[in-house]
């Protein structure tokens, strides 16, 4: 398993990759992936691996 790291606004999140696909498990993972897309990384892929509750996010 490979790990991709993203730094954003002074906060670092570890979002895991499996076979080149980002694994979205939490709202933080979702936000990190969205930031990567919004910053121009449009050729990346992800899969949602859990139900995410954005209440309080």
Protein backbone atom coordinates (compact mmCIF):
# COMPACT_ATOMS: atom_id res chain seq x y z
CA UNK A 1 0.00 0.00 0.00
CA UNK A 2 1.25 3.48 -0.86
CA UNK A 3 0.51 6.67 1.05
CA UNK A 4 -0.07 10.05 -0.52
CA UNK A 5 0.36 13.11 1.68
CA UNK A 6 -1.30 16.47 1.25
CA UNK A 7 -0.44 19.70 3.04
CA UNK A 8 -3.22 22.26 3.19
CA UNK A 9 -3.54 25.37 5.33
CA UNK A 10 -0.86 24.15 7.71
CA UNK A 11 -2.65 20.84 8.30
CA UNK A 12 -1.44 17.52 6.96
CA UNK A 13 -3.68 14.60 6.17
CA UNK A 14 -2.65 11.17 5.12
CA UNK A 15 -4.95 9.83 2.45
CA UNK A 16 -4.13 6.28 1.50
CA UNK A 17 -3.79 4.94 -2.00
CA UNK A 18 -4.31 1.37 -3.09
CA UNK A 19 -3.26 0.41 -6.62
CA UNK A 20 -3.10 4.11 -7.49
CA UNK A 21 -6.64 4.86 -6.29
CA UNK A 22 -7.19 7.13 -3.29
CA UNK A 23 -9.26 5.51 -0.54
CA UNK A 24 -11.78 7.98 0.91
CA UNK A 25 -12.84 6.89 4.40
CA UNK A 26 -13.43 10.15 6.27
CA UNK A 27 -14.63 13.69 5.66
CA UNK A 28 -10.98 14.81 5.94
CA UNK A 29 -10.03 12.36 3.16
CA UNK A 30 -12.89 13.68 1.03
CA UNK A 31 -11.85 17.28 1.56
CA UNK A 32 -8.20 16.46 0.85
CA UNK A 33 -9.14 14.71 -2.39
CA UNK A 34 -11.40 17.61 -3.42
CA UNK A 35 -8.53 20.02 -2.78
CA UNK A 36 -6.23 17.95 -4.99
CA UNK A 37 -8.81 18.05 -7.81
CA UNK A 38 -9.42 21.79 -7.34
CA UNK A 39 -5.65 22.40 -7.46
CA UNK A 40 -5.38 20.82 -10.91
CA UNK A 41 -4.75 17.13 -10.26
CA UNK A 42 -7.62 16.07 -12.52
CA UNK A 43 -6.20 12.71 -13.58
CA UNK A 44 -6.45 11.08 -10.13
CA UNK A 45 -9.07 8.53 -9.02
CA UNK A 46 -10.75 7.69 -5.74
CA UNK A 47 -13.18 5.25 -4.23
CA UNK A 48 -15.50 5.88 -1.29
CA UNK A 49 -14.84 3.10 1.23
CA UNK A 50 -17.18 4.17 4.05
CA UNK A 51 -20.29 6.21 4.69
CA UNK A 52 -19.20 9.75 5.53
CA UNK A 53 -21.11 11.96 7.95
CA UNK A 54 -20.39 15.64 7.28
CA UNK A 55 -22.38 16.78 10.30
CA UNK A 56 -20.17 19.18 12.21
CA UNK A 57 -17.52 19.26 9.49
